[in-house]
């Protein structure tokens, strides 16, 4: 089932998400729906707040990058209750976009490595340090669980330059190829 993606202006995107327990209702179906939604929107990551749920669940699919990054061949994973322990490594800047901010792409500086803890779909705990593009995607997606958006990393000047686009989103004037829920309703 394709879920609408919540865009800028939805309060759930600014709320700190809650950890869940193994008895969370229909979790496997939710994860499957999140992957399907992300696939249809041509994303590489999707956090539960982006589909209107203030819970700590993220899906990431880097298999789509396997031609350029062979190490990600077959990489498709759900993260339950993920937390960033520490951002490590050299800082690097790269362009980012977000399904909750359609049409906005900006350069964001992030650490090249990240120490994370999470549970897999069987609720087995993991404690890992990852690097490269996966580290960047994790930082971006896990920040959604903390009520943050990538635009929070921008300078005041850059924020001023995209203010018109953000205001249009608040008014429900958003164009994209996937189903979204704006502050004004579903489009």
Protein backbone atom coordinates (compact mmCIF):
# COMPACT_ATOMS: atom_id res chain seq x y z
CA UNK A 1 0.00 0.00 0.00
CA UNK A 2 1.38 3.39 -1.00
CA UNK A 3 1.34 5.87 1.89
CA UNK A 4 1.21 9.64 1.46
CA UNK A 5 4.47 11.38 2.29
CA UNK A 6 4.11 14.23 4.75
CA UNK A 7 5.76 17.41 3.54
CA UNK A 8 7.14 20.55 5.17
CA UNK A 9 4.63 22.11 7.53
CA UNK A 10 3.27 18.88 9.00
CA UNK A 11 3.81 18.91 12.81
CA UNK A 12 4.84 15.22 12.90
CA UNK A 13 8.03 16.17 11.03
CA UNK A 14 9.15 18.36 13.95
CA UNK A 15 8.33 15.90 16.73
CA UNK A 16 10.82 13.54 18.40
CA UNK A 17 9.71 10.00 17.52
CA UNK A 18 9.13 7.30 20.12
CA UNK A 19 10.81 3.90 20.39
CA UNK A 20 8.53 0.94 19.72
CA UNK A 21 8.26 -2.57 21.19
CA UNK A 22 8.03 -5.93 19.40
CA UNK A 23 4.26 -5.91 19.83
CA UNK A 24 3.81 -2.79 17.68
CA UNK A 25 0.74 -3.60 15.54
CA UNK A 26 1.36 -4.74 11.97
CA UNK A 27 5.02 -3.64 11.97
CA UNK A 28 6.07 -5.94 9.12
CA UNK A 29 3.24 -4.60 6.94
CA UNK A 30 4.20 -1.01 7.82
CA UNK A 31 7.82 -1.69 6.82
CA UNK A 32 6.68 -3.25 3.54
CA UNK A 33 4.41 -0.22 2.86
CA UNK A 34 7.26 2.17 3.65
CA UNK A 35 9.56 0.40 1.18
CA UNK A 36 6.84 0.48 -1.48
CA UNK A 37 6.17 4.18 -0.85
CA UNK A 38 9.88 5.03 -0.97
CA UNK A 39 10.35 3.01 -4.16
CA UNK A 40 7.48 4.81 -5.91
CA UNK A 41 8.89 8.18 -4.86
CA UNK A 42 12.41 7.30 -6.07
CA UNK A 43 13.99 7.78 -2.66
CA UNK A 44 16.79 5.89 -0.92
CA UNK A 45 15.47 6.35 2.62
CA UNK A 46 12.20 6.98 4.41
CA UNK A 47 11.51 7.59 8.10
CA UNK A 48 8.17 6.84 9.77
CA UNK A 49 7.44 10.53 10.55
CA UNK A 50 7.49 11.13 6.79
CA UNK A 51 4.42 8.90 6.52
CA UNK A 52 2.73 10.49 9.54
CA UNK A 53 3.88 8.16 12.33
CA UNK A 54 5.93 9.46 15.22
CA UNK A 55 7.79 6.18 15.77
CA UNK A 56 11.45 5.25 15.35
CA UNK A 57 11.37 3.20 12.14
CA UNK A 58 13.48 3.89 9.04
CA UNK A 59 13.88 2.01 5.77
CA UNK A 60 16.92 2.41 3.51
CA UNK A 61 17.50 0.96 0.04
CA UNK A 62 20.92 1.63 -1.46
CA UNK A 63 20.68 -1.16 -4.03
CA UNK A 64 19.60 1.51 -6.54
CA UNK A 65 23.15 2.91 -6.29
CA UNK A 66 24.88 -0.43 -6.93
CA UNK A 67 26.10 0.57 -10.41
CA UNK A 68 28.19 3.38 -8.88
CA UNK A 69 28.71 1.78 -5.45
CA UNK A 70 29.00 -2.03 -5.85
CA UNK A 71 29.24 -2.44 -2.07
CA UNK A 72 25.54 -1.56 -1.84
CA UNK A 73 24.34 -4.31 -4.18
CA UNK A 74 21.32 -5.91 -2.49
CA UNK A 75 21.35 -3.39 0.41
CA UNK A 76 17.74 -2.97 1.59
CA UNK A 77 17.21 -2.70 5.31
CA UNK A 78 14.78 -1.62 8.01
CA UNK A 79 16.03 0.04 11.20
CA UNK A 80 13.91 -0.07 14.34
CA UNK A 81 14.60 2.31 17.24
CA UNK A 82 17.78 3.64 15.63
CA UNK A 83 19.91 6.15 17.47
CA UNK A 84 23.06 7.98 16.48
CA UNK A 85 25.64 7.50 19.23
CA UNK A 86 28.30 9.67 17.63
CA UNK A 87 29.14 11.29 14.32
CA UNK A 88 32.74 10.57 13.38
CA UNK A 89 35.28 11.07 10.63
CA UNK A 90 36.06 13.95 8.36
CA UNK A 91 33.29 16.33 7.39
CA UNK A 92 32.25 16.37 3.77
CA UNK A 93 29.67 18.34 1.85
CA UNK A 94 27.26 16.82 -0.62
CA UNK A 95 23.95 17.78 -2.21
CA UNK A 96 20.87 16.36 -0.51
CA UNK A 97 17.18 16.28 -1.22
CA UNK A 98 14.27 14.97 0.81
CA UNK A 99 10.93 13.42 -0.06
CA UNK A 100 9.35 15.73 2.55
CA UNK A 101 10.85 18.78 0.83
CA UNK A 102 10.06 18.17 -2.86
CA UNK A 103 12.06 20.32 -5.25
CA UNK A 104 14.62 21.46 -2.68
CA UNK A 105 18.22 20.29 -3.03
CA UNK A 106 21.01 21.86 -1.00
CA UNK A 107 24.59 21.13 0.02
CA UNK A 108 24.83 19.72 3.55
CA UNK A 109 27.98 19.03 5.59
CA UNK A 110 28.01 15.71 7.45
CA UNK A 111 30.52 13.40 9.10
CA UNK A 112 31.90 10.59 6.95
CA UNK A 113 31.29 7.94 9.64
CA UNK A 114 28.56 7.38 12.18
CA UNK A 115 28.25 5.13 15.23
CA UNK A 116 24.65 3.86 15.43
CA UNK A 117 22.55 1.47 17.47
CA UNK A 118 19.33 -0.09 16.21
CA UNK A 119 17.19 -3.20 16.14
CA UNK A 120 16.55 -5.22 13.01
CA UNK A 121 13.10 -6.55 12.02
CA UNK A 122 13.55 -9.49 14.42
CA UNK A 123 14.39 -7.01 17.23
CA UNK A 124 17.99 -8.20 17.35
CA UNK A 125 20.20 -5.36 18.63
CA UNK A 126 23.04 -3.96 16.51
CA UNK A 127 25.84 -1.54 17.40
CA UNK A 128 27.80 -0.46 14.31
CA UNK A 129 30.08 2.17 12.87
CA UNK A 130 29.30 2.77 9.20
CA UNK A 131 30.89 5.09 6.69
CA UNK A 132 30.49 6.56 3.25
CA UNK A 133 27.17 7.16 1.58
CA UNK A 134 25.32 4.90 4.05
CA UNK A 135 26.55 7.08 6.92
CA UNK A 136 25.18 10.16 5.15
CA UNK A 137 21.79 8.56 4.49
CA UNK A 138 21.56 7.32 8.09
CA UNK A 139 22.27 10.80 9.43
CA UNK A 140 19.64 12.31 7.15
CA UNK A 141 16.95 9.71 7.93
CA UNK A 142 17.68 9.33 11.64
CA UNK A 143 17.43 13.12 12.03
CA UNK A 144 13.78 12.83 10.93
CA UNK A 145 13.28 10.81 14.12
CA UNK A 146 14.64 13.74 16.13
CA UNK A 147 12.25 16.24 14.53
CA UNK A 148 14.90 17.64 12.18
CA UNK A 149 15.03 18.27 8.44
CA UNK A 150 18.18 18.67 6.34
CA UNK A 151 17.36 22.35 5.86
CA UNK A 152 18.13 22.84 9.57
CA UNK A 153 21.81 22.52 8.61
CA UNK A 154 21.63 25.43 6.15
CA UNK A 155 22.93 28.92 6.80
CA UNK A 156 20.44 31.72 7.40
CA UNK A 157 21.28 33.04 3.93
CA UNK A 158 20.50 29.69 2.22
CA UNK A 159 17.26 29.39 4.23
CA UNK A 160 16.23 32.84 3.05
CA UNK A 161 16.84 31.80 -0.57
CA UNK A 162 14.46 28.81 -0.29
CA UNK A 163 11.86 30.60 1.84
CA UNK A 164 9.47 31.02 -1.12
CA UNK A 165 9.48 27.28 -1.84
CA UNK A 166 8.90 26.48 1.84
CA UNK A 167 6.03 28.96 2.06
CA UNK A 168 4.45 27.42 -1.05
CA UNK A 169 4.59 24.00 0.67
CA UNK A 170 2.89 25.45 3.74
CA UNK A 171 0.08 26.68 1.47
CA UNK A 172 -0.31 23.22 -0.09
CA UNK A 173 1.28 24.26 -3.37
CA UNK A 174 3.56 21.30 -3.91
CA UNK A 175 4.23 19.51 -7.18
CA UNK A 176 5.85 16.11 -7.22
CA UNK A 177 5.35 12.69 -8.76
CA UNK A 178 4.21 11.01 -5.54
CA UNK A 179 1.23 11.32 -3.20
CA UNK A 180 1.82 13.89 -0.45
CA UNK A 181 0.02 15.22 2.57
CA UNK A 182 0.53 18.95 2.90
CA UNK A 183 -0.58 21.24 5.69
CA UNK A 184 -3.68 21.84 3.53
CA UNK A 185 -4.46 18.13 2.90
CA UNK A 186 -3.67 15.30 0.51
CA UNK A 187 -2.50 16.05 -3.03
